[in-house]
Amino acid sequence: DRGGRRFTIRPEKVRLLTRGEPRDGLVTERGVIRNVAYAGPVTRYEVELEAGGTLQAVRQNYETSSPEALEQRGQAVEVGWLSEQAVPVGGNVQTEEK
């Protein structure tokens, strides 16, 4: 959640950022890759965010093999997306927790 609001982002819009990759215009969060599912042409990543919550990310397997993708489990990562790609869901987090 951000500012007491929950949001969602389509997995294909979430970028797994590499060192040195520009962050201009992106909302970024740090996290840890908790689960990896290699599915032929794509790999699905479940990222647990330091700020709380999880995001799913999908990356095409241009040059990645299954063992390479699976080795990423447990690694620290920075994810990014454009602010307009985040869609609010539900109500205010503080209200929902009462």
Protein backbone atom coordinates (compact mmCIF):
# COMPACT_ATOMS: atom_id res chain seq x y z
CA ASP A 1 0.00 0.00 0.00
CA ARG A 2 1.07 3.59 -0.58
CA GLY A 3 -0.21 6.40 1.59
CA GLY A 4 -2.86 4.17 3.16
CA ARG A 5 -4.17 3.01 -0.23
CA ARG A 6 -3.79 -0.44 -1.75
CA PHE A 7 -2.98 -0.82 -5.41
CA THR A 8 -2.33 -3.43 -8.05
CA ILE A 9 -0.17 -3.49 -11.16
CA ARG A 10 -0.37 -5.92 -14.05
CA PRO A 11 2.62 -8.32 -13.79
CA GLU A 12 3.88 -7.50 -17.27
CA LYS A 13 4.16 -3.82 -16.27
CA VAL A 14 6.46 -4.49 -13.29
CA ARG A 15 10.14 -4.23 -14.19
CA LEU A 16 12.92 -6.09 -12.40
CA LEU A 17 15.55 -3.38 -12.47
CA THR A 18 19.24 -4.04 -12.95
CA ARG A 19 22.15 -2.01 -11.60
CA GLY A 20 22.70 1.08 -13.66
CA GLU A 21 19.31 0.88 -15.38
CA PRO A 22 17.66 4.34 -15.47
CA ARG A 23 14.87 4.89 -12.96
CA ASP A 24 13.63 8.13 -14.54
CA GLY A 25 9.86 8.40 -14.23
CA LEU A 26 9.50 5.10 -12.35
CA VAL A 27 8.05 4.39 -8.95
CA THR A 28 10.51 1.97 -7.33
CA GLU A 29 10.44 -0.40 -4.37
CA ARG A 30 12.99 -2.81 -2.95
CA GLY A 31 12.12 -6.40 -2.22
CA VAL A 32 13.14 -10.04 -2.30
CA ILE A 33 12.23 -12.61 -4.95
CA ARG A 34 10.26 -15.22 -2.98
CA ASN A 35 9.08 -17.49 -5.77
CA VAL A 36 10.08 -18.14 -9.37
CA ALA A 37 8.06 -20.07 -11.96
CA TYR A 38 9.81 -20.73 -15.27
CA ALA A 39 7.13 -21.27 -17.93
CA GLY A 40 8.89 -21.66 -21.28
CA PRO A 41 8.75 -18.24 -22.97
CA VAL A 42 8.26 -16.33 -19.69
CA THR A 43 9.29 -16.44 -16.05
CA ARG A 44 6.94 -15.31 -13.27
CA TYR A 45 8.45 -13.75 -10.17
CA GLU A 46 6.76 -13.15 -6.82
CA VAL A 47 8.47 -10.23 -5.08
CA GLU A 48 7.92 -9.53 -1.38
CA LEU A 49 8.29 -5.77 -0.93
CA GLU A 50 10.24 -4.24 1.98
CA ALA A 51 7.37 -1.78 2.43
CA GLY A 52 4.89 -4.67 2.74
CA GLY A 53 2.82 -6.61 0.26
CA THR A 54 3.85 -8.57 -2.80
CA LEU A 55 3.99 -7.96 -6.53
CA GLN A 56 4.06 -10.38 -9.43
CA ALA A 57 6.41 -9.65 -12.31
CA VAL A 58 6.65 -11.41 -15.66
CA ARG A 59 9.78 -11.35 -17.78
CA GLN A 60 10.30 -12.85 -21.23
CA ASN A 61 13.00 -15.50 -21.48
CA TYR A 62 15.09 -14.14 -24.32
CA GLU A 63 18.37 -15.47 -22.99
CA THR A 64 17.45 -17.05 -19.65
CA SER A 65 17.43 -20.77 -18.95
CA SER A 66 15.31 -22.47 -16.30
CA PRO A 67 18.26 -22.98 -13.89
CA GLU A 68 19.29 -19.31 -14.26
CA ALA A 69 15.76 -18.11 -13.51
CA LEU A 70 15.32 -20.43 -10.53
CA GLU A 71 18.66 -19.28 -9.02
CA GLN A 72 17.12 -15.82 -8.55
CA ARG A 73 14.90 -17.05 -5.70
CA GLY A 74 15.88 -15.28 -2.47
CA GLN A 75 17.76 -12.46 -4.21
CA ALA A 76 17.26 -8.82 -3.28
CA VAL A 77 15.79 -6.86 -6.17
CA GLU A 78 14.47 -3.44 -7.04
CA VAL A 79 11.21 -3.28 -8.98
CA GLY A 80 9.78 -0.34 -10.88
CA TRP A 81 6.69 0.76 -12.76
CA LEU A 82 5.12 3.92 -14.13
CA SER A 83 2.78 5.61 -11.66
CA GLU A 84 -0.14 5.51 -14.11
CA GLN A 85 0.16 1.70 -14.23
CA ALA A 86 -0.81 1.39 -10.54
CA VAL A 87 -4.55 0.89 -10.10
CA PRO A 88 -6.13 1.54 -6.66
CA VAL A 89 -8.13 -1.36 -5.22
CA GLY A 90 -10.46 -1.59 -2.24
CA GLY A 91 -10.79 1.05 0.40
CA ASN A 92 -8.47 2.78 2.79
CA VAL A 93 -6.12 0.32 4.53
CA GLN A 94 -6.68 1.96 7.94
CA THR A 95 -10.46 1.58 7.57
CA GLU A 96 -10.20 -2.06 6.47
CA GLU A 97 -8.05 -3.02 9.46
CA LYS A 98 -10.57 -1.74 12.06
